Amino acid sequence: MRNASTAILLFSRSAAAEAAEKSFGGDAAKAVRATGKLIERTERTLAQTGFPIYRSTEKDQRGATFGRRLATAMAGVFAEGFARVLVVGNDCPFIRPAHLRAAAHLLAGGKNVLGPDRRGGVWLIGLQREHFRENVLASLRWETGHLFEDLAAHLPQATNFSRLADLNTLSDLRASWHVLRRQLADLYYLLAPVVMVGFRLAVYPPRIVLRHRPGRAPPC
C-alpha cells in the first residue's frame, strides 16, 4: 500500500539558482555547468533506488526561509499518502543507491535517520510521518553548523547514518577531485589552473589518471 511506503524528496534549486548561491568561482557559466552536473548525478542515483521521487525547486517552493520551504515541501510529499520520506539535496555526489536503501530500511523499522555532513549540517534526513512537525522543522537553524544537533534533539529515535561531504565551494571541489574526476570528469574545466604563458592566459585541465591509488580509502 502507498501509505506504508517510502518516497524520496530531492530538495534542490535549479542549476542556475543553485550556482548563484554557491562559491564555485567567478565564471558564472562554469558554475552553472558544475551545479547542473551535480544535479544530474543525484537524479541518476535516486532513480536507481526504485523509490518514488519528488523534486522540489524554487519554482514550487513556498516560504520566506529555507526551513519553511523544506518543511512545506515535505508536507506535500506526506500529503500524497507516504508514511516515510527521505530528503536529500544536490550537493553530495558521494551518495550511492545503497546508502538510500539502507536508510529506507531503518525507516521501515521505525527509526528516523540523519546523515551528518562535515560542517554540522546534514546530507540526508529520513523522517516518519508520525514524527513530522512542520512548524518545528521550519524553525530549526538551517544552513548553519548547528543543524545536525537541532535535528537530533527534535527527532525521536534518530539514528546517525554515514558521514559524507557536501560541495559548496570551489575549495570543496578541489579537495574532492581525486574522487570527482572519476564521477564528474566534465567538471575539470572548473578546476583547471590558469597560468601565464607569454602575454596570454592558458587554461590547462588537471591530468586525469584513472588507475587506482594504493592506500587511498574510498570516500564512503
N, C-alpha and C. Protein backbone atom coordinates (compact mmCIF):
# COMPACT_ATOMS: atom_id res chain seq x y z
N MET A 1 0.84 -1.19 0.00
CA MET A 1 0.00 0.00 0.00
C MET A 1 0.88 1.24 0.00
N ARG A 2 0.39 2.30 -0.65
CA ARG A 2 1.18 3.51 -0.76
C ARG A 2 1.43 4.15 0.59
N ASN A 3 0.42 4.13 1.49
CA ASN A 3 0.59 4.78 2.78
C ASN A 3 1.50 3.99 3.70
N ALA A 4 2.05 2.87 3.23
CA ALA A 4 3.01 2.10 4.02
C ALA A 4 4.38 2.14 3.37
N SER A 5 4.59 3.11 2.46
CA SER A 5 5.82 3.12 1.69
C SER A 5 6.65 4.37 1.94
N THR A 6 7.80 4.40 1.28
CA THR A 6 8.76 5.49 1.43
C THR A 6 8.93 6.22 0.11
N ALA A 7 9.02 7.53 0.16
CA ALA A 7 9.31 8.35 -1.01
C ALA A 7 10.59 9.14 -0.75
N ILE A 8 11.23 9.58 -1.84
CA ILE A 8 12.42 10.41 -1.74
C ILE A 8 12.08 11.81 -2.24
N LEU A 9 12.48 12.81 -1.47
CA LEU A 9 12.31 14.20 -1.87
C LEU A 9 13.69 14.78 -2.20
N LEU A 10 13.87 15.17 -3.46
CA LEU A 10 15.08 15.88 -3.86
C LEU A 10 14.77 17.36 -3.76
N PHE A 11 15.31 17.98 -2.72
CA PHE A 11 15.06 19.39 -2.46
C PHE A 11 16.23 20.17 -3.04
N SER A 12 16.02 20.77 -4.18
CA SER A 12 17.13 21.36 -4.93
C SER A 12 16.65 22.50 -5.80
N ARG A 13 17.37 23.60 -5.75
CA ARG A 13 17.10 24.66 -6.71
C ARG A 13 17.54 24.21 -8.10
N SER A 14 17.14 24.94 -9.12
CA SER A 14 17.62 24.68 -10.47
C SER A 14 19.11 24.96 -10.52
N ALA A 15 19.76 24.51 -11.59
CA ALA A 15 21.21 24.68 -11.70
C ALA A 15 21.61 26.15 -11.63
N ALA A 16 20.88 27.01 -12.33
CA ALA A 16 21.23 28.43 -12.34
C ALA A 16 21.05 29.06 -10.97
N ALA A 17 19.93 28.75 -10.31
CA ALA A 17 19.68 29.31 -8.98
C ALA A 17 20.67 28.77 -7.96
N GLU A 18 21.01 27.49 -8.08
CA GLU A 18 21.97 26.90 -7.15
C GLU A 18 23.35 27.51 -7.35
N ALA A 19 23.75 27.71 -8.58
CA ALA A 19 25.06 28.28 -8.87
C ALA A 19 25.19 29.68 -8.28
N ALA A 20 24.08 30.42 -8.27
CA ALA A 20 24.09 31.78 -7.73
C ALA A 20 24.35 31.79 -6.23
N GLU A 21 24.05 30.67 -5.56
CA GLU A 21 24.23 30.59 -4.11
C GLU A 21 25.55 29.94 -3.72
N LYS A 22 26.18 29.23 -4.64
CA LYS A 22 27.43 28.53 -4.34
C LYS A 22 28.62 29.43 -4.62
N SER A 23 29.77 29.04 -4.08
CA SER A 23 31.02 29.77 -4.33
C SER A 23 31.93 28.90 -5.17
N PHE A 24 31.50 28.67 -6.43
CA PHE A 24 32.27 27.80 -7.32
C PHE A 24 33.20 28.59 -8.24
N GLY A 25 33.49 29.81 -7.89
CA GLY A 25 34.41 30.60 -8.71
C GLY A 25 33.70 31.72 -9.44
N GLY A 26 34.48 32.55 -10.15
CA GLY A 26 33.93 33.74 -10.75
C GLY A 26 33.25 33.53 -12.09
N ASP A 27 33.44 32.40 -12.73
CA ASP A 27 32.85 32.16 -14.04
C ASP A 27 31.45 31.59 -13.87
N ALA A 28 30.44 32.42 -14.14
CA ALA A 28 29.06 32.01 -13.90
C ALA A 28 28.66 30.82 -14.74
N ALA A 29 29.11 30.78 -16.00
CA ALA A 29 28.74 29.67 -16.88
C ALA A 29 29.29 28.35 -16.37
N LYS A 30 30.55 28.38 -15.89
CA LYS A 30 31.14 27.16 -15.35
C LYS A 30 30.43 26.72 -14.07
N ALA A 31 30.05 27.69 -13.25
CA ALA A 31 29.35 27.34 -12.01
C ALA A 31 28.01 26.69 -12.30
N VAL A 32 27.29 27.21 -13.30
CA VAL A 32 26.00 26.61 -13.68
C VAL A 32 26.23 25.20 -14.22
N ARG A 33 27.30 25.04 -15.00
CA ARG A 33 27.61 23.71 -15.53
C ARG A 33 27.91 22.74 -14.39
N ALA A 34 28.67 23.21 -13.40
CA ALA A 34 29.02 22.35 -12.26
C ALA A 34 27.79 21.92 -11.49
N THR A 35 26.93 22.87 -11.15
CA THR A 35 25.74 22.51 -10.38
C THR A 35 24.81 21.65 -11.22
N GLY A 36 24.75 21.90 -12.52
CA GLY A 36 23.92 21.05 -13.37
C GLY A 36 24.39 19.61 -13.36
N LYS A 37 25.70 19.41 -13.41
CA LYS A 37 26.25 18.05 -13.38
C LYS A 37 25.98 17.38 -12.03
N LEU A 38 26.08 18.13 -10.95
CA LEU A 38 25.80 17.56 -9.64
C LEU A 38 24.34 17.14 -9.54
N ILE A 39 23.44 17.97 -10.05
CA ILE A 39 22.02 17.64 -10.02
C ILE A 39 21.74 16.41 -10.87
N GLU A 40 22.32 16.36 -12.06
CA GLU A 40 22.11 15.21 -12.94
C GLU A 40 22.56 13.92 -12.27
N ARG A 41 23.72 13.96 -11.64
CA ARG A 41 24.22 12.76 -10.99
C ARG A 41 23.31 12.34 -9.84
N THR A 42 22.84 13.30 -9.06
CA THR A 42 21.93 12.98 -7.97
C THR A 42 20.65 12.35 -8.49
N GLU A 43 20.11 12.89 -9.57
CA GLU A 43 18.88 12.33 -10.14
C GLU A 43 19.10 10.90 -10.63
N ARG A 44 20.25 10.63 -11.23
CA ARG A 44 20.53 9.26 -11.69
C ARG A 44 20.65 8.31 -10.50
N THR A 45 21.29 8.77 -9.44
CA THR A 45 21.44 7.94 -8.24
C THR A 45 20.09 7.61 -7.63
N LEU A 46 19.24 8.61 -7.49
CA LEU A 46 17.92 8.39 -6.90
C LEU A 46 17.08 7.45 -7.75
N ALA A 47 17.19 7.57 -9.06
CA ALA A 47 16.39 6.73 -9.96
C ALA A 47 16.73 5.25 -9.79
N GLN A 48 17.96 4.97 -9.38
CA GLN A 48 18.39 3.59 -9.23
C GLN A 48 17.83 2.92 -7.98
N THR A 49 17.24 3.69 -7.06
CA THR A 49 16.74 3.11 -5.82
C THR A 49 15.41 2.40 -5.99
N GLY A 50 14.63 2.82 -6.98
CA GLY A 50 13.31 2.23 -7.17
C GLY A 50 12.22 2.90 -6.36
N PHE A 51 12.56 3.90 -5.54
CA PHE A 51 11.55 4.59 -4.74
C PHE A 51 10.91 5.72 -5.55
N PRO A 52 9.67 6.07 -5.22
CA PRO A 52 9.07 7.25 -5.86
C PRO A 52 9.89 8.49 -5.52
N ILE A 53 10.08 9.36 -6.50
CA ILE A 53 10.93 10.54 -6.32
C ILE A 53 10.12 11.80 -6.59
N TYR A 54 10.22 12.74 -5.67
CA TYR A 54 9.61 14.06 -5.84
C TYR A 54 10.72 15.09 -5.90
N ARG A 55 10.60 16.03 -6.82
CA ARG A 55 11.61 17.08 -6.99
C ARG A 55 11.00 18.41 -6.62
N SER A 56 11.67 19.17 -5.77
CA SER A 56 11.20 20.49 -5.37
C SER A 56 12.27 21.51 -5.73
N THR A 57 11.91 22.51 -6.54
CA THR A 57 12.83 23.58 -6.91
C THR A 57 12.23 24.92 -6.50
N GLU A 58 12.97 26.00 -6.78
CA GLU A 58 12.48 27.33 -6.42
C GLU A 58 11.18 27.68 -7.13
N LYS A 59 10.84 26.94 -8.20
CA LYS A 59 9.62 27.23 -8.94
C LYS A 59 8.37 26.87 -8.15
N ASP A 60 8.50 25.88 -7.26
CA ASP A 60 7.31 25.47 -6.50
C ASP A 60 7.49 25.61 -4.99
N GLN A 61 8.67 25.99 -4.53
CA GLN A 61 8.89 26.12 -3.09
C GLN A 61 8.20 27.36 -2.55
N ARG A 62 7.65 27.23 -1.35
CA ARG A 62 6.92 28.34 -0.74
C ARG A 62 7.46 28.58 0.67
N GLY A 63 7.65 29.86 0.99
CA GLY A 63 8.11 30.22 2.32
C GLY A 63 9.25 31.22 2.27
N ALA A 64 9.38 31.99 3.33
CA ALA A 64 10.39 33.05 3.38
C ALA A 64 11.77 32.56 3.78
N THR A 65 11.84 31.38 4.38
CA THR A 65 13.12 30.84 4.84
C THR A 65 13.35 29.46 4.25
N PHE A 66 14.61 29.03 4.28
CA PHE A 66 14.96 27.69 3.80
C PHE A 66 14.16 26.64 4.57
N GLY A 67 14.14 26.79 5.90
CA GLY A 67 13.44 25.81 6.73
C GLY A 67 11.96 25.71 6.40
N ARG A 68 11.33 26.86 6.19
CA ARG A 68 9.90 26.85 5.87
C ARG A 68 9.68 26.22 4.50
N ARG A 69 10.53 26.52 3.54
CA ARG A 69 10.37 25.94 2.19
C ARG A 69 10.53 24.43 2.23
N LEU A 70 11.52 23.95 2.98
CA LEU A 70 11.73 22.50 3.06
C LEU A 70 10.59 21.82 3.79
N ALA A 71 10.17 22.39 4.91
CA ALA A 71 9.08 21.78 5.68
C ALA A 71 7.80 21.72 4.86
N THR A 72 7.54 22.75 4.07
CA THR A 72 6.35 22.76 3.23
C THR A 72 6.45 21.70 2.13
N ALA A 73 7.64 21.55 1.56
CA ALA A 73 7.82 20.52 0.53
C ALA A 73 7.63 19.12 1.12
N MET A 74 8.15 18.89 2.31
CA MET A 74 7.96 17.60 2.96
C MET A 74 6.49 17.35 3.26
N ALA A 75 5.79 18.36 3.71
CA ALA A 75 4.36 18.21 3.98
C ALA A 75 3.62 17.80 2.72
N GLY A 76 4.03 18.35 1.58
CA GLY A 76 3.40 17.98 0.32
C GLY A 76 3.59 16.52 -0.03
N VAL A 77 4.77 15.97 0.26
CA VAL A 77 5.02 14.54 -0.02
C VAL A 77 4.21 13.68 0.94
N PHE A 78 4.20 14.04 2.21
CA PHE A 78 3.39 13.27 3.16
C PHE A 78 1.91 13.33 2.79
N ALA A 79 1.47 14.44 2.25
CA ALA A 79 0.06 14.58 1.85
C ALA A 79 -0.31 13.62 0.73
N GLU A 80 0.69 13.12 0.00
CA GLU A 80 0.44 12.14 -1.05
C GLU A 80 0.16 10.75 -0.48
N GLY A 81 0.31 10.60 0.83
CA GLY A 81 -0.03 9.33 1.46
C GLY A 81 1.14 8.48 1.89
N PHE A 82 2.36 8.98 1.74
CA PHE A 82 3.54 8.20 2.13
C PHE A 82 3.74 8.26 3.64
N ALA A 83 4.21 7.16 4.19
CA ALA A 83 4.44 7.08 5.63
C ALA A 83 5.82 7.55 6.02
N ARG A 84 6.76 7.58 5.06
CA ARG A 84 8.15 7.94 5.36
C ARG A 84 8.73 8.72 4.19
N VAL A 85 9.60 9.66 4.51
CA VAL A 85 10.23 10.47 3.46
C VAL A 85 11.73 10.55 3.72
N LEU A 86 12.50 10.33 2.66
CA LEU A 86 13.94 10.57 2.67
C LEU A 86 14.19 11.87 1.92
N VAL A 87 14.92 12.79 2.54
CA VAL A 87 15.20 14.08 1.91
C VAL A 87 16.69 14.19 1.62
N VAL A 88 17.03 14.54 0.40
CA VAL A 88 18.42 14.79 0.02
C VAL A 88 18.49 16.06 -0.82
N GLY A 89 19.69 16.64 -0.87
CA GLY A 89 19.93 17.79 -1.73
C GLY A 89 20.73 17.37 -2.94
N ASN A 90 21.31 18.35 -3.64
CA ASN A 90 22.03 18.03 -4.87
C ASN A 90 23.54 18.11 -4.72
N ASP A 91 24.04 18.46 -3.53
CA ASP A 91 25.45 18.82 -3.40
C ASP A 91 26.31 17.76 -2.73
N CYS A 92 25.84 16.51 -2.72
CA CYS A 92 26.63 15.43 -2.14
C CYS A 92 26.79 14.32 -3.18
N PRO A 93 27.81 14.41 -4.03
CA PRO A 93 27.96 13.42 -5.11
C PRO A 93 28.43 12.06 -4.63
N PHE A 94 28.67 11.91 -3.34
CA PHE A 94 29.15 10.64 -2.81
C PHE A 94 28.01 9.71 -2.41
N ILE A 95 26.77 10.16 -2.54
CA ILE A 95 25.62 9.31 -2.23
C ILE A 95 25.56 8.15 -3.21
N ARG A 96 25.30 6.97 -2.69
CA ARG A 96 25.09 5.78 -3.51
C ARG A 96 23.66 5.27 -3.30
N PRO A 97 23.12 4.55 -4.26
CA PRO A 97 21.80 3.94 -4.04
C PRO A 97 21.77 3.08 -2.78
N ALA A 98 22.89 2.43 -2.47
CA ALA A 98 22.94 1.58 -1.27
C ALA A 98 22.73 2.39 0.01
N HIS A 99 23.24 3.64 0.03
CA HIS A 99 23.01 4.49 1.19
C HIS A 99 21.51 4.70 1.41
N LEU A 100 20.82 5.02 0.33
CA LEU A 100 19.41 5.35 0.43
C LEU A 100 18.57 4.12 0.75
N ARG A 101 18.94 2.99 0.18
CA ARG A 101 18.20 1.76 0.51
C ARG A 101 18.40 1.38 1.98
N ALA A 102 19.61 1.55 2.48
CA ALA A 102 19.88 1.24 3.89
C ALA A 102 19.12 2.19 4.80
N ALA A 103 19.08 3.47 4.43
CA ALA A 103 18.32 4.44 5.23
C ALA A 103 16.83 4.11 5.21
N ALA A 104 16.32 3.71 4.05
CA ALA A 104 14.91 3.33 3.94
C ALA A 104 14.60 2.11 4.80
N HIS A 105 15.57 1.19 4.89
CA HIS A 105 15.38 0.01 5.74
C HIS A 105 15.25 0.41 7.20
N LEU A 106 16.07 1.37 7.63
CA LEU A 106 15.98 1.86 9.01
C LEU A 106 14.64 2.55 9.24
N LEU A 107 14.20 3.32 8.26
CA LEU A 107 12.90 3.97 8.38
C LEU A 107 11.78 2.95 8.51
N ALA A 108 11.84 1.91 7.69
CA ALA A 108 10.81 0.87 7.74
C ALA A 108 10.78 0.18 9.09
N GLY A 109 11.92 0.21 9.81
CA GLY A 109 11.99 -0.37 11.15
C GLY A 109 11.55 0.58 12.24
N GLY A 110 11.06 1.76 11.86
CA GLY A 110 10.54 2.71 12.85
C GLY A 110 11.51 3.79 13.27
N LYS A 111 12.71 3.81 12.71
CA LYS A 111 13.71 4.81 13.07
C LYS A 111 13.59 6.05 12.19
N ASN A 112 14.01 7.18 12.73
CA ASN A 112 14.31 8.35 11.90
C ASN A 112 15.80 8.31 11.61
N VAL A 113 16.22 8.94 10.53
CA VAL A 113 17.62 8.80 10.09
C VAL A 113 18.19 10.18 9.78
N LEU A 114 19.42 10.41 10.25
CA LEU A 114 20.14 11.64 9.94
C LEU A 114 21.51 11.28 9.38
N GLY A 115 21.85 11.87 8.24
CA GLY A 115 23.18 11.70 7.67
C GLY A 115 23.98 12.97 7.86
N PRO A 116 24.90 13.03 8.81
CA PRO A 116 25.65 14.26 9.07
C PRO A 116 26.66 14.56 7.98
N ASP A 117 26.89 15.86 7.74
CA ASP A 117 27.98 16.24 6.87
C ASP A 117 29.15 16.74 7.72
N ARG A 118 30.16 17.29 7.12
CA ARG A 118 31.37 17.67 7.86
C ARG A 118 31.30 19.08 8.44
N ARG A 119 30.18 19.76 8.23
CA ARG A 119 30.07 21.14 8.70
C ARG A 119 29.04 21.33 9.80
N GLY A 120 28.50 20.25 10.32
CA GLY A 120 27.47 20.37 11.34
C GLY A 120 26.07 20.37 10.77
N GLY A 121 25.97 20.19 9.45
CA GLY A 121 24.66 20.07 8.82
C GLY A 121 24.34 18.63 8.51
N VAL A 122 23.50 18.39 7.53
CA VAL A 122 23.13 17.02 7.15
C VAL A 122 23.05 16.93 5.63
N TRP A 123 23.34 15.74 5.11
CA TRP A 123 23.12 15.48 3.69
C TRP A 123 21.89 14.61 3.47
N LEU A 124 21.34 14.07 4.58
CA LEU A 124 20.19 13.17 4.50
C LEU A 124 19.31 13.34 5.72
N ILE A 125 18.01 13.40 5.48
CA ILE A 125 17.02 13.35 6.56
C ILE A 125 16.02 12.28 6.20
N GLY A 126 15.79 11.34 7.10
CA GLY A 126 14.76 10.33 6.93
C GLY A 126 13.77 10.45 8.06
N LEU A 127 12.51 10.69 7.72
CA LEU A 127 11.53 11.04 8.76
C LEU A 127 10.24 10.25 8.62
N GLN A 128 9.74 9.79 9.76
CA GLN A 128 8.44 9.14 9.83
C GLN A 128 7.35 10.21 9.81
N ARG A 129 6.26 9.91 9.14
CA ARG A 129 5.16 10.88 9.09
C ARG A 129 4.65 11.21 10.49
N GLU A 130 4.60 10.25 11.37
CA GLU A 130 4.07 10.49 12.71
C GLU A 130 4.95 11.42 13.53
N HIS A 131 6.20 11.60 13.13
CA HIS A 131 7.12 12.48 13.85
C HIS A 131 7.32 13.82 13.14
N PHE A 132 6.61 14.02 12.06
CA PHE A 132 6.76 15.26 11.28
C PHE A 132 5.98 16.38 11.94
N ARG A 133 6.70 17.43 12.32
CA ARG A 133 6.10 18.64 12.90
C ARG A 133 6.56 19.81 12.04
N GLU A 134 5.70 20.24 11.16
CA GLU A 134 6.11 21.21 10.14
C GLU A 134 6.67 22.49 10.75
N ASN A 135 6.00 23.06 11.74
CA ASN A 135 6.46 24.32 12.31
C ASN A 135 7.77 24.17 13.07
N VAL A 136 7.91 23.06 13.77
CA VAL A 136 9.16 22.81 14.49
C VAL A 136 10.30 22.66 13.51
N LEU A 137 10.09 21.89 12.47
CA LEU A 137 11.13 21.67 11.48
C LEU A 137 11.53 22.99 10.82
N ALA A 138 10.56 23.81 10.51
CA ALA A 138 10.84 25.08 9.85
C ALA A 138 11.64 26.03 10.73
N SER A 139 11.54 25.88 12.05
CA SER A 139 12.17 26.83 12.98
C SER A 139 13.61 26.48 13.33
N LEU A 140 14.12 25.35 12.86
CA LEU A 140 15.47 24.95 13.22
C LEU A 140 16.51 25.85 12.54
N ARG A 141 17.77 25.72 13.01
CA ARG A 141 18.83 26.59 12.50
C ARG A 141 19.42 26.00 11.22
N TRP A 142 18.64 26.12 10.14
CA TRP A 142 19.07 25.62 8.85
C TRP A 142 20.22 26.44 8.31
N GLU A 143 21.02 25.80 7.47
CA GLU A 143 22.16 26.45 6.80
C GLU A 143 23.16 27.01 7.81
N THR A 144 23.27 26.33 8.96
CA THR A 144 24.29 26.68 9.95
C THR A 144 24.96 25.40 10.42
N GLY A 145 26.02 25.55 11.21
CA GLY A 145 26.72 24.40 11.78
C GLY A 145 26.01 23.79 12.97
N HIS A 146 24.81 24.29 13.29
CA HIS A 146 24.04 23.78 14.43
C HIS A 146 22.88 22.88 13.99
N LEU A 147 22.72 22.69 12.70
CA LEU A 147 21.54 21.99 12.22
C LEU A 147 21.48 20.55 12.70
N PHE A 148 22.60 19.84 12.60
CA PHE A 148 22.57 18.43 13.00
C PHE A 148 22.14 18.28 14.45
N GLU A 149 22.70 19.10 15.34
CA GLU A 149 22.33 18.98 16.76
C GLU A 149 20.87 19.35 16.98
N ASP A 150 20.36 20.34 16.22
CA ASP A 150 18.95 20.70 16.34
C ASP A 150 18.05 19.54 15.91
N LEU A 151 18.37 18.94 14.78
CA LEU A 151 17.56 17.82 14.30
C LEU A 151 17.62 16.64 15.26
N ALA A 152 18.83 16.33 15.74
CA ALA A 152 18.99 15.21 16.66
C ALA A 152 18.20 15.43 17.95
N ALA A 153 18.10 16.69 18.38
CA ALA A 153 17.38 17.00 19.61
C ALA A 153 15.86 16.92 19.43
N HIS A 154 15.38 17.17 18.21
CA HIS A 154 13.94 17.24 17.97
C HIS A 154 13.34 15.97 17.39
N LEU A 155 14.18 15.09 16.83
CA LEU A 155 13.63 13.89 16.22
C LEU A 155 13.79 12.69 17.15
N PRO A 156 12.69 12.07 17.57
CA PRO A 156 12.81 10.87 18.41
C PRO A 156 13.34 9.70 17.62
N GLN A 157 14.07 8.84 18.30
CA GLN A 157 14.61 7.63 17.69
C GLN A 157 15.44 7.93 16.44
N ALA A 158 16.25 8.99 16.51
CA ALA A 158 17.07 9.35 15.36
C ALA A 158 18.35 8.52 15.34
N THR A 159 18.62 7.92 14.20
CA THR A 159 19.82 7.10 14.02
C THR A 159 20.81 7.86 13.14
N ASN A 160 22.05 7.99 13.62
CA ASN A 160 23.09 8.64 12.82
C ASN A 160 23.55 7.70 11.72
N PHE A 161 23.58 8.22 10.51
CA PHE A 161 23.96 7.43 9.35
C PHE A 161 25.36 7.82 8.92
N SER A 162 25.80 7.36 7.78
CA SER A 162 27.14 7.65 7.29
C SER A 162 27.39 9.15 7.19
N ARG A 163 28.61 9.57 7.55
CA ARG A 163 29.00 10.96 7.39
C ARG A 163 29.61 11.13 5.99
N LEU A 164 29.03 12.02 5.20
CA LEU A 164 29.51 12.29 3.85
C LEU A 164 29.77 13.78 3.69
N ALA A 165 30.64 14.12 2.75
CA ALA A 165 30.97 15.52 2.49
C ALA A 165 30.04 16.09 1.44
N ASP A 166 29.69 17.37 1.59
CA ASP A 166 28.94 18.05 0.55
C ASP A 166 29.84 19.06 -0.14
N LEU A 167 29.36 19.63 -1.22
CA LEU A 167 30.16 20.54 -2.03
C LEU A 167 29.46 21.89 -2.13
N ASN A 168 30.09 22.92 -1.57
CA ASN A 168 29.51 24.24 -1.61
C ASN A 168 30.44 25.31 -2.17
N THR A 169 31.74 25.00 -2.23
CA THR A 169 32.70 25.99 -2.69
C THR A 169 33.68 25.37 -3.68
N LEU A 170 34.44 26.23 -4.34
CA LEU A 170 35.48 25.75 -5.25
C LEU A 170 36.51 24.94 -4.48
N SER A 171 36.80 25.32 -3.25
CA SER A 171 37.75 24.55 -2.42
C SER A 171 37.23 23.14 -2.16
N ASP A 172 35.92 23.00 -1.95
CA ASP A 172 35.34 21.68 -1.75
C ASP A 172 35.55 20.81 -2.99
N LEU A 173 35.34 21.39 -4.16
CA LEU A 173 35.53 20.64 -5.40
C LEU A 173 36.98 20.19 -5.55
N ARG A 174 37.90 21.11 -5.28
CA ARG A 174 39.31 20.76 -5.42
C ARG A 174 39.72 19.70 -4.41
N ALA A 175 39.22 19.80 -3.17
CA ALA A 175 39.59 18.84 -2.14
C ALA A 175 39.09 17.44 -2.46
N SER A 176 38.00 17.37 -3.22
CA SER A 176 37.39 16.07 -3.54
C SER A 176 37.69 15.61 -4.95
N TRP A 177 38.61 16.29 -5.63
CA TRP A 177 38.81 16.00 -7.05
C TRP A 177 39.27 14.57 -7.30
N HIS A 178 40.03 13.97 -6.39
CA HIS A 178 40.52 12.61 -6.62
C HIS A 178 39.36 11.63 -6.78
N VAL A 179 38.20 11.98 -6.20
CA VAL A 179 37.01 11.14 -6.37
C VAL A 179 36.16 11.66 -7.52
N LEU A 180 35.97 12.98 -7.58
CA LEU A 180 35.09 13.56 -8.57
C LEU A 180 35.56 13.33 -9.99
N ARG A 181 36.86 13.25 -10.19
CA ARG A 181 37.37 13.08 -11.55
C ARG A 181 36.91 11.77 -12.17
N ARG A 182 36.58 10.79 -11.32
CA ARG A 182 36.08 9.51 -11.83
C ARG A 182 34.57 9.56 -12.08
N GLN A 183 33.90 10.47 -11.37
CA GLN A 183 32.45 10.52 -11.45
C GLN A 183 31.94 11.67 -12.31
N LEU A 184 32.63 12.80 -12.25
CA LEU A 184 32.15 14.00 -12.91
C LEU A 184 33.30 14.67 -13.65
N ALA A 185 33.88 13.93 -14.57
CA ALA A 185 35.06 14.43 -15.27
C ALA A 185 34.77 15.73 -16.03
N ASP A 186 33.51 15.99 -16.34
CA ASP A 186 33.16 17.22 -17.05
C ASP A 186 33.51 18.47 -16.25
N LEU A 187 33.69 18.31 -14.94
CA LEU A 187 33.96 19.48 -14.11
C LEU A 187 35.42 19.91 -14.16
N TYR A 188 36.27 19.22 -14.92
CA TYR A 188 37.68 19.56 -14.85
C TYR A 188 37.96 20.98 -15.33
N TYR A 189 37.12 21.50 -16.23
CA TYR A 189 37.33 22.87 -16.69
C TYR A 189 37.15 23.87 -15.55
N LEU A 190 36.26 23.57 -14.62
CA LEU A 190 36.04 24.45 -13.50
C LEU A 190 37.26 24.50 -12.59
N LEU A 191 38.00 23.40 -12.53
CA LEU A 191 39.12 23.29 -11.62
C LEU A 191 40.46 23.55 -12.29
N ALA A 192 40.43 23.76 -13.60
CA ALA A 192 41.68 23.90 -14.34
C ALA A 192 42.47 25.10 -13.84
N PRO A 193 43.76 24.91 -13.51
CA PRO A 193 44.58 26.04 -13.09
C PRO A 193 44.86 26.96 -14.26
N VAL A 194 44.87 28.24 -14.00
CA VAL A 194 45.15 29.23 -15.03
C VAL A 194 46.58 29.74 -14.84
N VAL A 195 47.41 29.63 -15.89
CA VAL A 195 48.80 30.05 -15.79
C VAL A 195 49.13 31.02 -16.90
N MET A 196 50.14 31.86 -16.69
CA MET A 196 50.53 32.85 -17.68
C MET A 196 51.52 32.24 -18.66
N VAL A 197 51.22 32.36 -19.94
CA VAL A 197 52.11 31.90 -20.98
C VAL A 197 52.35 33.09 -21.90
N GLY A 198 53.56 33.65 -21.86
CA GLY A 198 53.84 34.85 -22.64
C GLY A 198 52.95 35.98 -22.17
N PHE A 199 52.16 36.55 -23.11
CA PHE A 199 51.27 37.65 -22.76
C PHE A 199 49.81 37.22 -22.74
N ARG A 200 49.56 35.92 -22.68
CA ARG A 200 48.17 35.47 -22.68
C ARG A 200 47.98 34.42 -21.60
N LEU A 201 46.73 34.19 -21.26
CA LEU A 201 46.40 33.18 -20.26
C LEU A 201 46.07 31.88 -20.97
N ALA A 202 46.60 30.80 -20.46
CA ALA A 202 46.27 29.48 -21.00
C ALA A 202 45.68 28.64 -19.88
N VAL A 203 44.66 27.89 -20.18
CA VAL A 203 43.99 27.05 -19.18
C VAL A 203 44.35 25.60 -19.45
N TYR A 204 44.90 24.97 -18.43
CA TYR A 204 45.29 23.57 -18.57
C TYR A 204 44.45 22.72 -17.64
N PRO A 205 43.68 21.76 -18.17
CA PRO A 205 42.91 20.88 -17.29
C PRO A 205 43.83 19.99 -16.49
N PRO A 206 43.42 19.64 -15.26
CA PRO A 206 44.25 18.73 -14.48
C PRO A 206 44.37 17.37 -15.16
N ARG A 207 45.48 16.74 -14.99
CA ARG A 207 45.71 15.42 -15.59
C ARG A 207 44.83 14.40 -14.90
N ILE A 208 44.02 13.71 -15.66
CA ILE A 208 43.09 12.72 -15.10
C ILE A 208 43.71 11.35 -15.22
N VAL A 209 43.99 10.75 -14.10
CA VAL A 209 44.59 9.42 -14.06
C VAL A 209 43.55 8.46 -13.51
N LEU A 210 43.24 7.46 -14.25
CA LEU A 210 42.16 6.56 -13.86
C LEU A 210 42.63 5.34 -13.10
N ARG A 211 43.94 5.18 -12.94
CA ARG A 211 44.40 4.00 -12.23
C ARG A 211 44.13 4.15 -10.73
N HIS A 212 44.11 3.04 -10.04
CA HIS A 212 43.85 3.02 -8.61
C HIS A 212 45.03 3.60 -7.85
N ARG A 213 44.75 4.40 -6.84
CA ARG A 213 45.80 4.94 -5.99
C ARG A 213 45.92 4.08 -4.74
N PRO A 214 47.01 3.34 -4.57
CA PRO A 214 47.16 2.50 -3.39
C PRO A 214 47.11 3.32 -2.11
N GLY A 215 46.45 2.79 -1.15
CA GLY A 215 46.43 3.42 0.16
C GLY A 215 45.36 4.47 0.36
N ARG A 216 44.62 4.85 -0.70
CA ARG A 216 43.57 5.85 -0.54
C ARG A 216 42.26 5.16 -0.25
N ALA A 217 41.66 5.49 0.88
CA ALA A 217 40.41 4.86 1.25
C ALA A 217 39.28 5.40 0.41
N PRO A 218 38.25 4.61 0.18
CA PRO A 218 37.08 5.12 -0.57
C PRO A 218 36.40 6.22 0.23
N PRO A 219 35.64 7.11 -0.44
CA PRO A 219 35.03 8.24 0.26
C PRO A 219 33.93 7.85 1.21
N CYS A 220 33.31 6.71 0.99
CA CYS A 220 32.24 6.30 1.88
C CYS A 220 32.04 4.80 1.75
